[in-house]
Amino acid sequence: MEFSAKQIATFIQGEIVGDENATVHTFAKIEEGIPGAISFLSNPKYTSYIYETQSSIVLVNKDFVPEQEVKATLIKVDNAYESLAKLLNLYEQSKPKRVGIDSLAFVAETAKIGKDVYIAPFACIGDHAEVGDNTVIHPHVTIGGGAKIGSDCIIYANATVYHDCRVGNHCILHSGCVIGADGFGFAPTPQGYEKIPQIGITILEDNVEIGANTCVDRATMGATIVRSGVKLDNLVQIAHNDEVGANTVMAAQSGIAGSTKVGEWCMIGGQVGLAGHAHIGNKVGIAAQSGVPGNVKEGSQIMGSPAFDAKQYFKASVVYKKLPDMYAELNMLRKELNELKQQLNK
């Protein structure tokens, strides 16, 4: 499909600078632009590319002022990155979708399948499971008995939703993720570790996206809950009985120990570890590779291991770099002090 600058500007409420009849049929990074492509510029580091890109249209922020001639047609918007996301979503929605149940898929007789669902070869839908309207299930997906999947979901190849777990509407589960595996619960005995049955479930609310090979464990009792709008990156671990608040995002290789509550709109960097039975307030920012041993107040920005206030961490890191010089200076002062004491004692 082909779209003109005028059509695009109308959709994203942008201002055209250049040829409103310029057309595009694909997307490209600004540094790899080609004729007929639309690109975007939001990071100032890439500004130089706008003067040489071959893309036909470039989305820019309203405050962008070119320092020299730009060949491409510009569309000025409040936020170029957000506008690009809208266009990409429109592009995805325009793709034709398959519907129906493949002859090589297994669907239990007691399962309930909604309208316009696609179930790919070798997918397995268990007894009394439910799949909502317009949901797409890719090959080798397993939906356990009694599990419920909402409408307009996408579940990619080899993802698994265990028995009785719940997935809301408009959710995306990427390849290899596991929803509802047993929580890590064992009781030490003289003979070894005795498994504690994990009889709870996992609940994903609406508009949740789970990255590849991420695990959200089922609860020992009750439910592990991932609230609406949460986005979890690849290789994230959410342990039993955790609760992740609405619109929180977590980067790759982060993990939360059991029974921890994370607030809304938190931003958690990569390789962060949160201890169990902690409470993390709303709108908390945790920098990459931080270790969080306990509760964190709402609105805090922390980093380090153990993590503490980010501003204090940066100040401390400056001092840390100077420790060898400070240690040498301290030894010199001790030596001078001892010499003064010896002179005074004489």
C-alpha atoms as a PDB file:
ATOM      1  CA  MET A   1       0.000   0.000   0.000  1.00  0.00           C
ATOM      2  CA  GLU A   2       1.093   3.560  -0.720  1.00  0.00           C
ATOM      3  CA  PHE A   3       0.359   6.667   1.338  1.00  0.00           C
ATOM      4  CA  SER A   4       0.944  10.346   0.655  1.00  0.00           C
ATOM      5  CA  ALA A   5       2.446  12.877   3.028  1.00  0.00           C
ATOM      6  CA  LYS A   6      -0.972  14.562   3.194  1.00  0.00           C
ATOM      7  CA  GLN A   7      -2.686  11.328   4.280  1.00  0.00           C
ATOM      8  CA  ILE A   8      -0.010  10.578   6.873  1.00  0.00           C
ATOM      9  CA  ALA A   9      -0.056  14.123   8.285  1.00  0.00           C
ATOM     10  CA  THR A  10      -3.833  13.975   8.624  1.00  0.00           C
ATOM     11  CA  PHE A  11      -3.649  10.670  10.519  1.00  0.00           C
ATOM     12  CA  ILE A  12      -0.967  11.823  12.984  1.00  0.00           C
ATOM     13  CA  GLN A  13      -2.040  15.491  13.058  1.00  0.00           C
ATOM     14  CA  GLY A  14       1.269  16.752  11.705  1.00  0.00           C
ATOM     15  CA  GLU A  15       2.432  19.812   9.752  1.00  0.00           C
ATOM     16  CA  ILE A  16       3.922  19.229   6.296  1.00  0.00           C
ATOM     17  CA  VAL A  17       7.090  21.004   5.200  1.00  0.00           C
ATOM     18  CA  GLY A  18       7.672  20.157   1.541  1.00  0.00           C
ATOM     19  CA  ASP A  19       5.708  18.168  -1.022  1.00  0.00           C
ATOM     20  CA  GLU A  20       2.348  17.025   0.357  1.00  0.00           C
ATOM     21  CA  ASN A  21       2.031  14.615  -2.581  1.00  0.00           C
ATOM     22  CA  ALA A  22       5.235  12.715  -1.747  1.00  0.00           C
ATOM     23  CA  THR A  23       4.370   9.029  -1.337  1.00  0.00           C
ATOM     24  CA  VAL A  24       5.835   6.156   0.647  1.00  0.00           C
ATOM     25  CA  HIS A  25       5.260   2.414   0.778  1.00  0.00           C
ATOM     26  CA  THR A  26       7.772   1.235   3.378  1.00  0.00           C
ATOM     27  CA  PHE A  27       9.719   2.200   6.517  1.00  0.00           C
ATOM     28  CA  ALA A  28      13.481   2.723   6.899  1.00  0.00           C
ATOM     29  CA  LYS A  29      15.967   3.985   9.471  1.00  0.00           C
ATOM     30  CA  ILE A  30      17.030   7.518   8.643  1.00  0.00           C
ATOM     31  CA  GLU A  31      20.633   6.452   8.033  1.00  0.00           C
ATOM     32  CA  GLU A  32      19.454   3.708   5.665  1.00  0.00           C
ATOM     33  CA  GLY A  33      16.747   5.670   3.872  1.00  0.00           C
ATOM     34  CA  ILE A  34      15.615   4.799   0.362  1.00  0.00           C
ATOM     35  CA  PRO A  35      13.189   6.491  -2.053  1.00  0.00           C
ATOM     36  CA  GLY A  36       9.618   5.585  -1.153  1.00  0.00           C
ATOM     37  CA  ALA A  37      10.423   5.100   2.540  1.00  0.00           C
ATOM     38  CA  ILE A  38       9.356   7.041   5.627  1.00  0.00           C
ATOM     39  CA  SER A  39      11.888   7.609   8.436  1.00  0.00           C
ATOM     40  CA  PHE A  40      11.909   9.522  11.696  1.00  0.00           C
ATOM     41  CA  LEU A  41      14.277  11.745  13.673  1.00  0.00           C
ATOM     42  CA  SER A  42      13.898  12.070  17.437  1.00  0.00           C
ATOM     43  CA  ASN A  43      17.430  11.523  18.765  1.00  0.00           C
ATOM     44  CA  PRO A  44      19.733  14.536  18.129  1.00  0.00           C
ATOM     45  CA  LYS A  45      22.652  12.126  17.580  1.00  0.00           C
ATOM     46  CA  TYR A  46      21.151  11.253  14.179  1.00  0.00           C
ATOM     47  CA  THR A  47      20.511  14.825  13.008  1.00  0.00           C
ATOM     48  CA  SER A  48      23.314  14.753  10.430  1.00  0.00           C
ATOM     49  CA  TYR A  49      21.565  11.965   8.516  1.00  0.00           C
ATOM     50  CA  ILE A  50      18.521  14.082   7.716  1.00  0.00           C
ATOM     51  CA  TYR A  51      20.551  16.133   5.224  1.00  0.00           C
ATOM     52  CA  GLU A  52      21.659  13.084   3.243  1.00  0.00           C
ATOM     53  CA  THR A  53      18.880  10.525   3.713  1.00  0.00           C
ATOM     54  CA  GLN A  54      17.187   9.180   0.598  1.00  0.00           C
ATOM     55  CA  SER A  55      13.878   8.649   2.402  1.00  0.00           C
ATOM     56  CA  SER A  56      10.941  10.462   0.827  1.00  0.00           C
ATOM     57  CA  ILE A  57       9.342  11.527   4.120  1.00  0.00           C
ATOM     58  CA  VAL A  58      10.852  12.100   7.577  1.00  0.00           C
ATOM     59  CA  LEU A  59       8.926  12.606  10.819  1.00  0.00           C
ATOM     60  CA  VAL A  60      10.527  15.254  13.050  1.00  0.00           C
ATOM     61  CA  ASN A  61       9.643  17.013  16.284  1.00  0.00           C
ATOM     62  CA  LYS A  62       8.037  20.453  15.968  1.00  0.00           C
ATOM     63  CA  ASP A  63      11.090  22.167  17.453  1.00  0.00           C
ATOM     64  CA  PHE A  64      13.398  20.838  14.712  1.00  0.00           C
ATOM     65  CA  VAL A  65      15.008  23.649  12.690  1.00  0.00           C
ATOM     66  CA  PRO A  66      17.196  22.507   9.752  1.00  0.00           C
ATOM     67  CA  GLU A  67      20.595  24.123   9.404  1.00  0.00           C
ATOM     68  CA  GLN A  68      20.773  23.410   5.673  1.00  0.00           C
ATOM     69  CA  GLU A  69      18.586  22.156   2.849  1.00  0.00           C
ATOM     70  CA  VAL A  70      16.615  18.934   3.449  1.00  0.00           C
ATOM     71  CA  LYS A  71      15.567  17.015   0.337  1.00  0.00           C
ATOM     72  CA  ALA A  72      12.945  14.900   2.086  1.00  0.00           C
ATOM     73  CA  THR A  73       9.440  16.098   2.868  1.00  0.00           C
ATOM     74  CA  LEU A  74       9.167  16.729   6.613  1.00  0.00           C
ATOM     75  CA  ILE A  75       6.141  16.110   8.786  1.00  0.00           C
ATOM     76  CA  LYS A  76       6.435  17.988  12.083  1.00  0.00           C
ATOM     77  CA  VAL A  77       4.680  16.445  15.090  1.00  0.00           C
ATOM     78  CA  ASP A  78       4.720  16.798  18.874  1.00  0.00           C
ATOM     79  CA  ASN A  79       6.644  13.536  19.293  1.00  0.00           C
ATOM     80  CA  ALA A  80       8.199  11.841  16.263  1.00  0.00           C
ATOM     81  CA  TYR A  81       8.782   8.541  18.053  1.00  0.00           C
ATOM     82  CA  GLU A  82       5.172   8.261  19.231  1.00  0.00           C
ATOM     83  CA  SER A  83       3.895   9.167  15.771  1.00  0.00           C
ATOM     84  CA  LEU A  84       6.068   6.478  14.227  1.00  0.00           C
ATOM     85  CA  ALA A  85       4.582   3.961  16.662  1.00  0.00           C
ATOM     86  CA  LYS A  86       1.062   4.926  15.516  1.00  0.00           C
ATOM     87  CA  LEU A  87       2.035   4.436  11.885  1.00  0.00           C
ATOM     88  CA  LEU A  88       3.683   1.093  12.591  1.00  0.00           C
ATOM     89  CA  ASN A  89       0.550  -0.083  14.396  1.00  0.00           C
ATOM     90  CA  LEU A  90      -1.565   1.014  11.433  1.00  0.00           C
ATOM     91  CA  TYR A  91       0.792  -0.888   9.123  1.00  0.00           C
ATOM     92  CA  GLU A  92       0.522  -4.050  11.232  1.00  0.00           C
ATOM     93  CA  GLN A  93      -3.259  -3.833  11.399  1.00  0.00           C
ATOM     94  CA  SER A  94      -3.466  -3.514   7.614  1.00  0.00           C
ATOM     95  CA  LYS A  95      -1.760  -6.880   7.079  1.00  0.00           C
ATOM     96  CA  PRO A  96      -4.141  -9.718   6.158  1.00  0.00           C
ATOM     97  CA  LYS A  97      -4.794 -12.108   9.054  1.00  0.00           C
ATOM     98  CA  ARG A  98      -5.346 -15.831   8.822  1.00  0.00           C
ATOM     99  CA  VAL A  99      -8.308 -17.398  10.564  1.00  0.00           C
ATOM    100  CA  GLY A 100      -9.367 -20.965  11.250  1.00  0.00           C
ATOM    101  CA  ILE A 101      -7.977 -24.034  12.984  1.00  0.00           C
ATOM    102  CA  ASP A 102      -5.267 -25.907  11.116  1.00  0.00           C
ATOM    103  CA  SER A 103      -5.867 -29.611  10.621  1.00  0.00           C
ATOM    104  CA  LEU A 104      -2.589 -30.359  12.422  1.00  0.00           C
ATOM    105  CA  ALA A 105      -3.574 -28.434  15.564  1.00  0.00           C
ATOM    106  CA  PHE A 106      -5.098 -30.210  18.567  1.00  0.00           C
ATOM    107  CA  VAL A 107      -8.123 -28.579  20.171  1.00  0.00           C
ATOM    108  CA  ALA A 108      -9.890 -30.442  22.969  1.00  0.00           C
ATOM    109  CA  GLU A 109     -13.593 -31.059  22.409  1.00  0.00           C
ATOM    110  CA  THR A 110     -14.438 -29.182  25.609  1.00  0.00           C
ATOM    111  CA  ALA A 111     -12.390 -26.087  24.658  1.00  0.00           C
ATOM    112  CA  LYS A 112     -14.221 -22.879  23.697  1.00  0.00           C
ATOM    113  CA  ILE A 113     -12.847 -21.048  20.669  1.00  0.00           C
ATOM    114  CA  GLY A 114     -14.038 -17.531  19.772  1.00  0.00           C
ATOM    115  CA  LYS A 115     -14.717 -15.953  16.390  1.00  0.00           C
ATOM    116  CA  ASP A 116     -12.009 -15.355  13.746  1.00  0.00           C
ATOM    117  CA  VAL A 117      -9.343 -17.186  15.769  1.00  0.00           C
ATOM    118  CA  TYR A 118      -6.298 -18.676  14.060  1.00  0.00           C
ATOM    119  CA  ILE A 119      -4.692 -21.786  15.563  1.00  0.00           C
ATOM    120  CA  ALA A 120      -1.529 -22.903  13.743  1.00  0.00           C
ATOM    121  CA  PRO A 121      -0.177 -26.424  13.174  1.00  0.00           C
ATOM    122  CA  PHE A 122       0.947 -28.365  16.255  1.00  0.00           C
ATOM    123  CA  ALA A 123      -0.629 -25.939  18.725  1.00  0.00           C
ATOM    124  CA  CYS A 124      -2.415 -27.652  21.619  1.00  0.00           C
ATOM    125  CA  ILE A 125      -5.516 -26.303  23.376  1.00  0.00           C
ATOM    126  CA  GLY A 126      -6.405 -28.279  26.514  1.00  0.00           C
ATOM    127  CA  ASP A 127      -9.681 -29.374  28.062  1.00  0.00           C
ATOM    128  CA  HIS A 128     -12.070 -26.562  29.052  1.00  0.00           C
ATOM    129  CA  ALA A 129      -9.588 -23.918  27.865  1.00  0.00           C
ATOM    130  CA  GLU A 130     -11.009 -20.732  26.316  1.00  0.00           C
ATOM    131  CA  VAL A 131      -9.616 -18.600  23.480  1.00  0.00           C
ATOM    132  CA  GLY A 132     -11.186 -15.201  22.761  1.00  0.00           C
ATOM    133  CA  ASP A 133     -12.161 -13.610  19.443  1.00  0.00           C
ATOM    134  CA  ASN A 134      -9.484 -12.606  16.895  1.00  0.00           C
ATOM    135  CA  THR A 135      -6.652 -14.243  18.832  1.00  0.00           C
ATOM    136  CA  VAL A 136      -3.732 -15.700  16.869  1.00  0.00           C
ATOM    137  CA  ILE A 137      -1.951 -18.795  18.193  1.00  0.00           C
ATOM    138  CA  HIS A 138       1.274 -19.762  16.435  1.00  0.00           C
ATOM    139  CA  PRO A 139       2.811 -23.258  16.039  1.00  0.00           C
ATOM    140  CA  HIS A 140       3.754 -25.372  19.070  1.00  0.00           C
ATOM    141  CA  VAL A 141       1.911 -23.157  21.550  1.00  0.00           C
ATOM    142  CA  THR A 142       0.424 -25.001  24.522  1.00  0.00           C
ATOM    143  CA  ILE A 143      -2.662 -23.683  26.308  1.00  0.00           C
ATOM    144  CA  GLY A 144      -3.263 -25.807  29.400  1.00  0.00           C
ATOM    145  CA  GLY A 145      -6.552 -27.172  30.611  1.00  0.00           C
ATOM    146  CA  GLY A 146      -8.895 -24.559  32.062  1.00  0.00           C
ATOM    147  CA  ALA A 147      -6.725 -21.654  30.918  1.00  0.00           C
ATOM    148  CA  LYS A 148      -8.451 -18.569  29.519  1.00  0.00           C
ATOM    149  CA  ILE A 149      -7.019 -16.385  26.750  1.00  0.00           C
ATOM    150  CA  GLY A 150      -8.732 -13.080  25.944  1.00  0.00           C
ATOM    151  CA  SER A 151      -9.571 -11.450  22.622  1.00  0.00           C
ATOM    152  CA  ASP A 152      -7.135  -9.931  20.101  1.00  0.00           C
ATOM    153  CA  CYS A 153      -4.089 -11.668  21.589  1.00  0.00           C
ATOM    154  CA  ILE A 154      -0.999 -12.917  19.774  1.00  0.00           C
ATOM    155  CA  ILE A 155       0.797 -15.954  21.191  1.00  0.00           C
ATOM    156  CA  TYR A 156       4.005 -16.768  19.355  1.00  0.00           C
ATOM    157  CA  ALA A 157       5.605 -20.161  18.713  1.00  0.00           C
ATOM    158  CA  ASN A 158       6.552 -22.355  21.672  1.00  0.00           C
ATOM    159  CA  ALA A 159       4.954 -20.132  24.306  1.00  0.00           C
ATOM    160  CA  THR A 160       3.168 -21.988  27.121  1.00  0.00           C
ATOM    161  CA  VAL A 161       0.223 -20.981  29.282  1.00  0.00           C
ATOM    162  CA  TYR A 162      -0.218 -23.493  32.106  1.00  0.00           C
ATOM    163  CA  HIS A 163      -3.510 -24.863  33.360  1.00  0.00           C
ATOM    164  CA  ASP A 164      -6.088 -22.499  34.846  1.00  0.00           C
ATOM    165  CA  CYS A 165      -4.045 -19.335  34.168  1.00  0.00           C
ATOM    166  CA  ARG A 166      -5.640 -16.171  32.798  1.00  0.00           C
ATOM    167  CA  VAL A 167      -4.500 -13.922  29.949  1.00  0.00           C
ATOM    168  CA  GLY A 168      -6.446 -10.714  29.273  1.00  0.00           C
ATOM    169  CA  ASN A 169      -7.327  -8.946  26.026  1.00  0.00           C
ATOM    170  CA  HIS A 170      -4.801  -7.454  23.578  1.00  0.00           C
ATOM    171  CA  CYS A 171      -1.866  -9.332  25.112  1.00  0.00           C
ATOM    172  CA  ILE A 172       1.274 -10.454  23.272  1.00  0.00           C
ATOM    173  CA  LEU A 173       3.237 -13.491  24.457  1.00  0.00           C
ATOM    174  CA  HIS A 174       6.549 -13.987  22.669  1.00  0.00           C
ATOM    175  CA  SER A 175       8.253 -17.247  21.816  1.00  0.00           C
ATOM    176  CA  GLY A 176       9.371 -19.445  24.671  1.00  0.00           C
ATOM    177  CA  CYS A 177       7.704 -17.482  27.463  1.00  0.00           C
ATOM    178  CA  VAL A 178       6.066 -19.533  30.217  1.00  0.00           C
ATOM    179  CA  ILE A 179       3.013 -18.325  32.081  1.00  0.00           C
ATOM    180  CA  GLY A 180       2.141 -20.281  35.212  1.00  0.00           C
ATOM    181  CA  ALA A 181       5.074 -22.615  35.866  1.00  0.00           C
ATOM    182  CA  ASP A 182       5.437 -23.675  39.506  1.00  0.00           C
ATOM    183  CA  GLY A 183       6.831 -21.112  41.901  1.00  0.00           C
ATOM    184  CA  PHE A 184      10.182 -21.931  43.498  1.00  0.00           C
ATOM    185  CA  GLY A 185       8.849 -23.343  46.750  1.00  0.00           C
ATOM    186  CA  PHE A 186      10.640 -26.055  48.742  1.00  0.00           C
ATOM    187  CA  ALA A 187      10.696 -26.964  52.432  1.00  0.00           C
ATOM    188  CA  PRO A 188      14.065 -28.116  53.823  1.00  0.00           C
ATOM    189  CA  THR A 189      13.945 -31.511  55.593  1.00  0.00           C
ATOM    190  CA  PRO A 190      16.659 -33.854  56.907  1.00  0.00           C
ATOM    191  CA  GLN A 191      16.248 -35.885  53.722  1.00  0.00           C
ATOM    192  CA  GLY A 192      16.489 -32.896  51.345  1.00  0.00           C
ATOM    193  CA  TYR A 193      14.041 -30.371  49.952  1.00  0.00           C
ATOM    194  CA  GLU A 194      10.368 -31.269  49.851  1.00  0.00           C
ATOM    195  CA  LYS A 195       8.348 -29.598  47.103  1.00  0.00           C
ATOM    196  CA  ILE A 196       5.535 -27.304  48.241  1.00  0.00           C
ATOM    197  CA  PRO A 197       2.607 -27.689  45.828  1.00  0.00           C
ATOM    198  CA  GLN A 198       1.894 -24.470  43.945  1.00  0.00           C
ATOM    199  CA  ILE A 199      -1.906 -24.475  43.752  1.00  0.00           C
ATOM    200  CA  GLY A 200      -2.443 -20.834  42.733  1.00  0.00           C
ATOM    201  CA  ILE A 201      -2.571 -19.332  39.241  1.00  0.00           C
ATOM    202  CA  THR A 202      -1.065 -16.534  37.148  1.00  0.00           C
ATOM    203  CA  ILE A 203      -3.166 -13.615  35.884  1.00  0.00           C
ATOM    204  CA  LEU A 204      -2.127 -11.285  33.074  1.00  0.00           C
ATOM    205  CA  GLU A 205      -4.493  -8.343  32.697  1.00  0.00           C
ATOM    206  CA  ASP A 206      -5.184  -6.465  29.429  1.00  0.00           C
ATOM    207  CA  ASN A 207      -2.514  -4.991  27.111  1.00  0.00           C
ATOM    208  CA  VAL A 208       0.351  -6.925  28.663  1.00  0.00           C
ATOM    209  CA  GLU A 209       3.380  -7.907  26.574  1.00  0.00           C
ATOM    210  CA  ILE A 210       5.700 -10.696  27.724  1.00  0.00           C
ATOM    211  CA  GLY A 211       9.128 -11.072  26.104  1.00  0.00           C
ATOM    212  CA  ALA A 212      10.785 -14.202  24.769  1.00  0.00           C
ATOM    213  CA  ASN A 213      11.839 -16.773  27.378  1.00  0.00           C
ATOM    214  CA  THR A 214      10.346 -14.745  30.212  1.00  0.00           C
ATOM    215  CA  CYS A 215       8.699 -16.641  33.080  1.00  0.00           C
ATOM    216  CA  VAL A 216       5.800 -15.558  35.261  1.00  0.00           C
ATOM    217  CA  ASP A 217       5.351 -18.223  37.947  1.00  0.00           C
ATOM    218  CA  ARG A 218       2.032 -19.317  39.391  1.00  0.00           C
ATOM    219  CA  ALA A 219       1.271 -18.538  43.033  1.00  0.00           C
ATOM    220  CA  THR A 220       1.651 -20.921  45.934  1.00  0.00           C
ATOM    221  CA  MET A 221      -1.904 -19.890  46.806  1.00  0.00           C
ATOM    222  CA  GLY A 222      -3.967 -17.130  45.238  1.00  0.00           C
ATOM    223  CA  ALA A 223      -2.489 -15.470  42.155  1.00  0.00           C
ATOM    224  CA  THR A 224       0.638 -13.926  40.719  1.00  0.00           C
ATOM    225  CA  ILE A 225      -0.688 -10.795  38.986  1.00  0.00           C
ATOM    226  CA  VAL A 226       0.694  -8.711  36.134  1.00  0.00           C
ATOM    227  CA  ARG A 227      -1.503  -5.624  35.861  1.00  0.00           C
ATOM    228  CA  SER A 228      -2.745  -3.867  32.720  1.00  0.00           C
ATOM    229  CA  GLY A 229      -0.218  -2.277  30.390  1.00  0.00           C
ATOM    230  CA  VAL A 230       2.864  -3.979  31.836  1.00  0.00           C
ATOM    231  CA  LYS A 231       5.710  -4.664  29.394  1.00  0.00           C
ATOM    232  CA  LEU A 232       8.281  -7.300  30.322  1.00  0.00           C
ATOM    233  CA  ASP A 233      11.411  -7.701  28.200  1.00  0.00           C
ATOM    234  CA  ASN A 234      13.056 -10.997  27.258  1.00  0.00           C
ATOM    235  CA  LEU A 235      14.560 -13.209  29.988  1.00  0.00           C
ATOM    236  CA  VAL A 236      12.679 -11.680  32.922  1.00  0.00           C
ATOM    237  CA  GLN A 237      11.683 -13.708  36.006  1.00  0.00           C
ATOM    238  CA  ILE A 238       8.534 -12.931  38.006  1.00  0.00           C
ATOM    239  CA  ALA A 239       8.289 -15.248  41.007  1.00  0.00           C
ATOM    240  CA  HIS A 240       5.289 -16.693  42.831  1.00  0.00           C
ATOM    241  CA  ASN A 241       2.762 -14.347  44.430  1.00  0.00           C
ATOM    242  CA  ASP A 242       4.364 -11.224  42.966  1.00  0.00           C
ATOM    243  CA  GLU A 243       2.249  -8.323  41.758  1.00  0.00           C
ATOM    244  CA  VAL A 244       3.516  -5.989  39.049  1.00  0.00           C
ATOM    245  CA  GLY A 245       1.611  -2.694  38.930  1.00  0.00           C
ATOM    246  CA  ALA A 246      -0.048  -1.212  35.852  1.00  0.00           C
ATOM    247  CA  ASN A 247       2.155   0.243  33.093  1.00  0.00           C
ATOM    248  CA  THR A 248       5.416  -0.833  34.713  1.00  0.00           C
ATOM    249  CA  VAL A 249       8.253  -1.794  32.350  1.00  0.00           C
ATOM    250  CA  MET A 250      11.156  -4.165  33.064  1.00  0.00           C
ATOM    251  CA  ALA A 251      14.245  -4.613  30.891  1.00  0.00           C
ATOM    252  CA  ALA A 252      15.962  -7.914  30.120  1.00  0.00           C
ATOM    253  CA  GLN A 253      17.515 -10.235  32.707  1.00  0.00           C
ATOM    254  CA  SER A 254      15.731  -8.618  35.640  1.00  0.00           C
ATOM    255  CA  GLY A 255      14.170 -10.743  38.332  1.00  0.00           C
ATOM    256  CA  ILE A 256      11.754 -10.388  41.237  1.00  0.00           C
ATOM    257  CA  ALA A 257      11.786 -12.808  44.163  1.00  0.00           C
ATOM    258  CA  GLY A 258       8.544 -14.087  45.647  1.00  0.00           C
ATOM    259  CA  SER A 259       5.738 -12.084  47.269  1.00  0.00           C
ATOM    260  CA  THR A 260       7.032  -8.676  46.191  1.00  0.00           C
ATOM    261  CA  LYS A 261       4.658  -5.896  45.146  1.00  0.00           C
ATOM    262  CA  VAL A 262       5.837  -3.473  42.451  1.00  0.00           C
ATOM    263  CA  GLY A 263       3.874  -0.254  41.976  1.00  0.00           C
ATOM    264  CA  GLU A 264       2.462   1.426  38.879  1.00  0.00           C
ATOM    265  CA  TRP A 265       4.525   3.213  36.199  1.00  0.00           C
ATOM    266  CA  CYS A 266       7.842   1.903  37.500  1.00  0.00           C
ATOM    267  CA  MET A 267      10.860   1.679  35.172  1.00  0.00           C
ATOM    268  CA  ILE A 268      13.262  -1.156  35.980  1.00  0.00           C
ATOM    269  CA  GLY A 269      16.548  -1.465  34.081  1.00  0.00           C
ATOM    270  CA  GLY A 270      18.305  -4.589  32.893  1.00  0.00           C
ATOM    271  CA  GLN A 271      19.802  -7.115  35.323  1.00  0.00           C
ATOM    272  CA  VAL A 272      17.998  -5.628  38.327  1.00  0.00           C
ATOM    273  CA  GLY A 273      17.279  -7.958  41.233  1.00  0.00           C
ATOM    274  CA  LEU A 274      14.442  -7.319  43.689  1.00  0.00           C
ATOM    275  CA  ALA A 275      14.384  -9.197  47.001  1.00  0.00           C
ATOM    276  CA  GLY A 276      11.302 -11.064  48.151  1.00  0.00           C
ATOM    277  CA  HIS A 277       8.495  -9.714  50.365  1.00  0.00           C
ATOM    278  CA  ALA A 278       9.363  -6.112  49.425  1.00  0.00           C
ATOM    279  CA  HIS A 279       7.115  -3.211  48.439  1.00  0.00           C
ATOM    280  CA  ILE A 280       8.186  -0.944  45.581  1.00  0.00           C
ATOM    281  CA  GLY A 281       6.181   2.298  45.359  1.00  0.00           C
ATOM    282  CA  ASN A 282       4.649   3.884  42.273  1.00  0.00           C
ATOM    283  CA  LYS A 283       6.825   5.667  39.676  1.00  0.00           C
ATOM    284  CA  VAL A 284      10.090   4.240  40.985  1.00  0.00           C
ATOM    285  CA  GLY A 285      13.104   4.189  38.665  1.00  0.00           C
ATOM    286  CA  ILE A 286      15.748   1.501  39.224  1.00  0.00           C
ATOM    287  CA  ALA A 287      18.966   1.681  37.194  1.00  0.00           C
ATOM    288  CA  ALA A 288      20.501  -1.338  35.484  1.00  0.00           C
ATOM    289  CA  GLN A 289      22.346  -3.945  37.589  1.00  0.00           C
ATOM    290  CA  SER A 290      20.921  -2.623  40.843  1.00  0.00           C
ATOM    291  CA  GLY A 291      20.236  -4.927  43.761  1.00  0.00           C
ATOM    292  CA  VAL A 292      17.202  -3.923  45.820  1.00  0.00           C
ATOM    293  CA  PRO A 293      17.095  -5.614  49.254  1.00  0.00           C
ATOM    294  CA  GLY A 294      13.899  -4.084  50.634  1.00  0.00           C
ATOM    295  CA  ASN A 295      11.126  -1.495  50.330  1.00  0.00           C
ATOM    296  CA  VAL A 296      11.435   1.567  48.076  1.00  0.00           C
ATOM    297  CA  LYS A 297       9.387   4.750  48.533  1.00  0.00           C
ATOM    298  CA  GLU A 298       7.159   6.125  45.797  1.00  0.00           C
ATOM    299  CA  GLY A 299       8.935   8.285  43.223  1.00  0.00           C
ATOM    300  CA  SER A 300      12.449   7.192  44.232  1.00  0.00           C
ATOM    301  CA  GLN A 301      15.256   6.964  41.673  1.00  0.00           C
ATOM    302  CA  ILE A 302      17.815   4.427  42.856  1.00  0.00           C
ATOM    303  CA  MET A 303      20.855   2.520  41.659  1.00  0.00           C
ATOM    304  CA  GLY A 304      23.746   0.414  42.937  1.00  0.00           C
ATOM    305  CA  SER A 305      23.978  -2.803  44.898  1.00  0.00           C
ATOM    306  CA  PRO A 306      22.609  -2.455  47.475  1.00  0.00           C
ATOM    307  CA  ALA A 307      20.650   0.251  45.696  1.00  0.00           C
ATOM    308  CA  PHE A 308      20.255   3.765  47.118  1.00  0.00           C
ATOM    309  CA  ASP A 309      19.411   7.265  45.880  1.00  0.00           C
ATOM    310  CA  ALA A 310      20.766   7.762  42.349  1.00  0.00           C
ATOM    311  CA  LYS A 311      22.151  11.273  42.986  1.00  0.00           C
ATOM    312  CA  GLN A 312      24.007  10.063  46.053  1.00  0.00           C
ATOM    313  CA  TYR A 313      25.257   7.069  44.064  1.00  0.00           C
ATOM    314  CA  PHE A 314      26.802   9.316  41.416  1.00  0.00           C
ATOM    315  CA  LYS A 315      28.470  11.447  44.090  1.00  0.00           C
ATOM    316  CA  ALA A 316      29.788   8.323  45.794  1.00  0.00           C
ATOM    317  CA  SER A 317      31.101   6.912  42.510  1.00  0.00           C
ATOM    318  CA  VAL A 318      33.176  10.066  41.981  1.00  0.00           C
ATOM    319  CA  VAL A 319      34.733   9.606  45.424  1.00  0.00           C
ATOM    320  CA  TYR A 320      35.249   5.884  44.784  1.00  0.00           C
ATOM    321  CA  LYS A 321      37.453   6.618  41.775  1.00  0.00           C
ATOM    322  CA  LYS A 322      39.634   8.846  43.950  1.00  0.00           C
ATOM    323  CA  LEU A 323      40.064   6.326  46.794  1.00  0.00           C
ATOM    324  CA  PRO A 324      43.607   5.196  45.785  1.00  0.00           C
ATOM    325  CA  ASP A 325      44.846   8.825  45.783  1.00  0.00           C
ATOM    326  CA  MET A 326      42.981   9.556  49.003  1.00  0.00           C
ATOM    327  CA  TYR A 327      44.507   6.463  50.631  1.00  0.00           C
ATOM    328  CA  ALA A 328      48.013   7.508  49.582  1.00  0.00           C
ATOM    329  CA  GLU A 329      47.400  11.015  50.910  1.00  0.00           C
ATOM    330  CA  LEU A 330      46.085   9.605  54.197  1.00  0.00           C
ATOM    331  CA  ASN A 331      49.245   7.502  54.652  1.00  0.00           C
ATOM    332  CA  MET A 332      51.406  10.559  53.964  1.00  0.00           C
ATOM    333  CA  LEU A 333      49.460  12.605  56.549  1.00  0.00           C
ATOM    334  CA  ARG A 334      49.863   9.784  59.101  1.00  0.00           C
ATOM    335  CA  LYS A 335      53.573   9.724  58.478  1.00  0.00           C
ATOM    336  CA  GLU A 336      53.838  13.514  58.923  1.00  0.00           C
ATOM    337  CA  LEU A 337      51.701  13.349  62.083  1.00  0.00           C
ATOM    338  CA  ASN A 338      53.929  10.655  63.589  1.00  0.00           C
ATOM    339  CA  GLU A 339      57.010  12.745  62.798  1.00  0.00           C
ATOM    340  CA  LEU A 340      55.441  15.784  64.521  1.00  0.00           C
ATOM    341  CA  LYS A 341      54.574  13.654  67.587  1.00  0.00           C
ATOM    342  CA  GLN A 342      58.155  12.433  67.788  1.00  0.00           C
ATOM    343  CA  GLN A 343      59.495  16.008  67.631  1.00  0.00           C
ATOM    344  CA  LEU A 344      57.071  17.153  70.320  1.00  0.00           C
ATOM    345  CA  ASN A 345      58.012  14.231  72.583  1.00  0.00           C
ATOM    346  CA  LYS A 346      61.678  15.257  72.403  1.00  0.00           C
END
